[in-house]
N, C-alpha and C. Protein backbone atom coordinates (compact mmCIF):
# COMPACT_ATOMS: atom_id res chain seq x y z
N MET A 1 0.80 -1.19 -0.04
CA MET A 1 0.04 0.03 0.05
C MET A 1 0.78 1.36 0.06
N TRP A 2 0.43 2.18 -0.64
CA TRP A 2 1.13 3.48 -0.73
C TRP A 2 0.26 4.70 -0.05
N HIS A 3 1.02 5.49 0.57
CA HIS A 3 0.29 6.62 1.30
C HIS A 3 0.72 7.92 0.52
N VAL A 4 -0.27 8.80 0.35
CA VAL A 4 -0.03 10.22 -0.05
C VAL A 4 -0.20 10.98 1.27
N TYR A 5 0.68 12.04 1.46
CA TYR A 5 0.42 12.72 2.73
C TYR A 5 0.87 14.22 2.48
N ILE A 6 0.27 14.96 3.48
CA ILE A 6 0.59 16.45 3.51
C ILE A 6 1.17 16.72 4.81
N LEU A 7 2.17 17.37 4.99
CA LEU A 7 2.83 17.76 6.17
C LEU A 7 2.65 19.22 6.29
N LYS A 8 2.62 19.64 7.59
CA LYS A 8 2.69 21.10 7.94
C LYS A 8 4.08 21.50 8.53
N CYS A 9 4.77 22.28 7.80
CA CYS A 9 6.22 22.45 8.38
C CYS A 9 6.19 23.61 9.38
N ALA A 10 7.16 23.61 10.24
CA ALA A 10 7.21 24.77 11.32
C ALA A 10 7.05 26.05 11.01
N ASP A 11 7.34 26.40 9.64
CA ASP A 11 7.19 27.81 9.07
C ASP A 11 5.78 27.97 8.42
N GLY A 12 4.94 26.86 8.57
CA GLY A 12 3.55 27.04 8.16
C GLY A 12 3.31 26.46 6.73
N THR A 13 4.45 26.31 6.04
CA THR A 13 4.23 25.84 4.66
C THR A 13 3.80 24.46 4.71
N LEU A 14 3.30 23.94 3.51
CA LEU A 14 2.69 22.61 3.36
C LEU A 14 3.72 21.72 2.50
N TYR A 15 3.90 20.47 2.77
CA TYR A 15 4.75 19.59 1.85
C TYR A 15 3.97 18.25 1.60
N THR A 16 3.93 17.98 0.37
CA THR A 16 3.22 16.68 -0.21
C THR A 16 4.11 15.67 -0.54
N GLY A 17 4.05 14.43 -0.16
CA GLY A 17 4.75 13.35 -0.64
C GLY A 17 4.14 12.01 -0.57
N ILE A 18 4.87 10.87 -0.92
CA ILE A 18 4.21 9.62 -1.04
C ILE A 18 5.20 8.69 -0.35
N THR A 19 4.68 7.58 0.13
CA THR A 19 5.62 6.54 0.87
C THR A 19 4.85 5.24 0.95
N THR A 20 5.58 4.30 1.37
CA THR A 20 4.87 2.79 1.72
C THR A 20 4.88 2.70 3.23
N ASP A 21 5.64 3.52 3.92
CA ASP A 21 5.67 3.44 5.37
C ASP A 21 5.53 4.93 6.00
N LEU A 22 4.30 5.27 6.22
CA LEU A 22 3.99 6.67 6.75
C LEU A 22 4.74 7.00 8.05
N ASP A 23 4.58 6.19 8.98
CA ASP A 23 5.25 6.48 10.33
C ASP A 23 6.83 6.63 10.01
N ARG A 24 7.55 5.69 9.37
CA ARG A 24 8.96 5.75 9.22
C ARG A 24 9.26 7.21 8.37
N ARG A 25 8.38 7.42 7.48
CA ARG A 25 8.76 8.82 6.61
C ARG A 25 8.50 9.95 7.45
N ILE A 26 7.70 10.01 8.39
CA ILE A 26 7.33 11.19 9.14
C ILE A 26 8.60 11.29 10.12
N ARG A 27 9.13 10.22 10.55
CA ARG A 27 10.29 10.20 11.49
C ARG A 27 11.39 10.75 10.75
N GLU A 28 11.61 10.39 9.49
CA GLU A 28 12.69 10.73 8.64
C GLU A 28 12.58 12.20 8.45
N HIS A 29 11.43 12.78 8.13
CA HIS A 29 11.23 14.22 7.92
C HIS A 29 11.63 14.92 9.09
N ASN A 30 11.37 14.46 10.35
CA ASN A 30 11.63 15.18 11.50
C ASN A 30 13.08 14.99 12.05
N PHE A 31 13.59 13.88 12.03
CA PHE A 31 14.90 13.57 12.72
C PHE A 31 16.06 13.13 11.90
N SER A 32 15.80 12.71 10.59
CA SER A 32 16.91 12.01 9.79
C SER A 32 17.36 12.78 8.78
N LYS A 33 18.67 12.35 8.43
CA LYS A 33 19.36 12.97 7.05
C LYS A 33 18.59 12.59 5.82
N LYS A 34 17.74 11.61 5.91
CA LYS A 34 16.95 11.13 4.72
C LYS A 34 15.80 11.88 4.56
N SER A 35 15.60 13.13 5.30
CA SER A 35 14.51 14.06 5.16
C SER A 35 14.68 14.55 3.71
N ALA A 36 13.57 15.01 3.32
CA ALA A 36 13.50 15.87 2.00
C ALA A 36 14.21 17.17 2.22
N LYS A 37 14.91 17.65 1.26
CA LYS A 37 15.66 18.88 1.39
C LYS A 37 14.68 20.01 1.90
N TYR A 38 13.52 20.02 1.49
CA TYR A 38 12.58 20.99 1.69
C TYR A 38 12.24 21.13 3.25
N THR A 39 11.98 19.85 3.76
CA THR A 39 11.53 19.68 5.19
C THR A 39 12.79 19.81 6.08
N SER A 40 13.91 19.48 5.76
CA SER A 40 14.98 19.46 6.67
C SER A 40 15.29 20.79 7.35
N GLY A 41 14.99 21.87 6.69
CA GLY A 41 15.14 23.22 7.22
C GLY A 41 13.85 23.77 7.91
N ARG A 42 12.91 22.87 7.83
CA ARG A 42 11.54 23.49 8.32
C ARG A 42 10.92 22.53 9.45
N ARG A 43 11.74 21.91 10.25
CA ARG A 43 11.35 21.07 11.28
C ARG A 43 10.87 21.91 12.40
N PRO A 44 9.99 21.27 13.32
CA PRO A 44 9.36 19.85 13.08
C PRO A 44 8.22 19.97 12.05
N VAL A 45 7.98 18.82 11.50
CA VAL A 45 6.70 18.79 10.56
C VAL A 45 5.62 17.93 11.25
N GLN A 46 4.38 18.22 10.89
CA GLN A 46 3.26 17.64 11.54
C GLN A 46 2.38 16.97 10.41
N LEU A 47 1.91 15.75 10.49
CA LEU A 47 0.97 15.22 9.50
C LEU A 47 -0.42 15.88 9.64
N MET A 48 -0.86 16.27 8.48
CA MET A 48 -2.17 16.90 8.37
C MET A 48 -3.12 16.26 7.53
N TYR A 49 -2.70 15.25 6.84
CA TYR A 49 -3.54 14.56 5.71
C TYR A 49 -2.75 13.29 5.23
N SER A 50 -3.64 12.30 4.99
CA SER A 50 -2.87 11.04 4.48
C SER A 50 -4.13 10.29 3.80
N SER A 51 -3.79 9.64 2.87
CA SER A 51 -4.68 8.79 1.98
C SER A 51 -4.10 7.69 1.51
N ILE A 52 -4.70 6.55 1.37
CA ILE A 52 -3.99 5.14 0.97
C ILE A 52 -4.48 4.76 -0.37
N PHE A 53 -3.44 4.17 -1.12
CA PHE A 53 -3.77 3.73 -2.47
C PHE A 53 -3.10 2.36 -2.55
N LYS A 54 -3.59 1.58 -3.63
CA LYS A 54 -3.21 0.13 -3.80
C LYS A 54 -1.86 0.09 -4.47
N ASN A 55 -1.64 1.17 -5.31
CA ASN A 55 -0.29 1.03 -5.92
C ASN A 55 0.38 2.32 -6.12
N LYS A 56 1.69 2.36 -6.56
CA LYS A 56 2.48 3.59 -6.62
C LYS A 56 2.01 4.34 -7.65
N LYS A 57 1.27 3.74 -8.76
CA LYS A 57 0.85 4.66 -9.95
C LYS A 57 -0.35 5.48 -9.59
N GLN A 58 -1.24 5.04 -8.70
CA GLN A 58 -2.42 5.70 -8.28
C GLN A 58 -1.89 6.85 -7.30
N ALA A 59 -0.96 6.22 -6.37
CA ALA A 59 -0.46 7.33 -5.45
C ALA A 59 0.32 8.56 -5.95
N SER A 60 1.07 8.22 -6.98
CA SER A 60 1.81 9.37 -7.79
C SER A 60 0.87 10.14 -8.41
N LYS A 61 -0.21 9.66 -9.07
CA LYS A 61 -1.23 10.62 -9.76
C LYS A 61 -1.82 11.51 -8.74
N GLU A 62 -2.16 11.04 -7.64
CA GLU A 62 -2.79 11.64 -6.55
C GLU A 62 -1.82 12.86 -6.01
N GLU A 63 -0.55 12.45 -5.67
CA GLU A 63 0.40 13.35 -5.27
C GLU A 63 0.51 14.55 -6.31
N TYR A 64 0.65 14.17 -7.53
CA TYR A 64 0.81 15.22 -8.64
C TYR A 64 -0.51 16.23 -8.34
N ARG A 65 -1.63 15.61 -8.38
CA ARG A 65 -2.78 16.38 -8.41
C ARG A 65 -2.93 17.34 -7.19
N ILE A 66 -2.56 16.86 -5.96
CA ILE A 66 -2.53 17.70 -4.80
C ILE A 66 -1.52 18.72 -4.93
N LYS A 67 -0.20 18.42 -5.45
CA LYS A 67 0.68 19.40 -5.65
C LYS A 67 0.34 20.58 -6.69
N THR A 68 -0.56 20.27 -7.54
CA THR A 68 -0.94 21.42 -8.35
C THR A 68 -1.98 22.23 -7.80
N LEU A 69 -2.64 21.81 -6.59
CA LEU A 69 -3.49 22.64 -5.97
C LEU A 69 -3.05 23.92 -5.29
N THR A 70 -3.85 24.86 -5.12
CA THR A 70 -3.31 26.09 -4.42
C THR A 70 -3.22 25.70 -2.91
N ARG A 71 -2.60 26.57 -2.02
CA ARG A 71 -2.55 26.48 -0.69
C ARG A 71 -4.03 26.28 -0.05
N LYS A 72 -4.77 27.40 -0.45
CA LYS A 72 -6.26 27.28 -0.03
C LYS A 72 -6.83 25.94 -0.31
N GLN A 73 -6.72 25.44 -1.54
CA GLN A 73 -7.39 24.32 -1.98
C GLN A 73 -6.86 23.03 -1.05
N LYS A 74 -5.38 23.00 -0.84
CA LYS A 74 -4.84 22.08 0.10
C LYS A 74 -5.49 22.10 1.46
N LEU A 75 -5.51 23.31 1.94
CA LEU A 75 -6.16 23.46 3.30
C LEU A 75 -7.63 23.01 3.42
N GLU A 76 -8.41 23.35 2.26
CA GLU A 76 -9.80 22.80 2.13
C GLU A 76 -9.82 21.26 2.23
N LEU A 77 -8.77 20.51 1.52
CA LEU A 77 -8.68 19.20 1.65
C LEU A 77 -8.46 18.55 2.92
N ILE A 78 -7.51 19.23 3.66
CA ILE A 78 -7.33 18.90 4.92
C ILE A 78 -8.47 18.96 5.80
N THR A 79 -9.21 20.13 5.62
CA THR A 79 -10.21 20.37 6.45
C THR A 79 -11.46 19.29 6.33
N GLN A 80 -11.78 19.15 4.96
CA GLN A 80 -12.61 17.97 4.53
C GLN A 80 -12.29 16.66 5.18
N ALA A 81 -11.05 16.17 5.02
CA ALA A 81 -10.76 15.07 5.70
C ALA A 81 -10.72 14.90 7.21
N LEU A 82 -10.75 16.01 7.81
CA LEU A 82 -10.67 16.09 9.42
C LEU A 82 -12.18 16.07 9.64
N SER A 83 -13.03 16.53 8.78
CA SER A 83 -14.40 16.65 9.10
C SER A 83 -15.13 15.33 8.71
N ASN A 84 -14.53 14.41 7.85
CA ASN A 84 -15.12 13.25 7.47
C ASN A 84 -14.03 12.04 7.48
N PRO A 85 -13.60 11.82 8.88
CA PRO A 85 -12.58 10.72 8.85
C PRO A 85 -13.14 9.30 8.40
N SER A 86 -12.20 8.61 7.81
CA SER A 86 -12.76 7.18 7.31
C SER A 86 -13.00 6.30 8.44
C-alpha cells in the first residue's frame, strides 16, 4: 500500500509526498538525514492529511494532483478530511 500525505512545516508551509511506510517517513522528515531537502530546514513537521492507495501509480497521480492545488485548496482538502474521517 502507498500513502499520499501532506505535512505542515514549522514555518507554516505545506509539503506533499508519497511513501509505503508513513510512520517511518514522518520520523525521517523530523529527525533523519533522509529527510526531504525542503523539510529538513523546516522542522518539526506535523502530519495533516494522508490517503491510502493500492499501488504507486495511483499514489503518484494523486500526489501530482495535490501538488497542483493552491494552498487554499490544500487546506480545504485537509479540513474536509478532518471533518469526514474514514
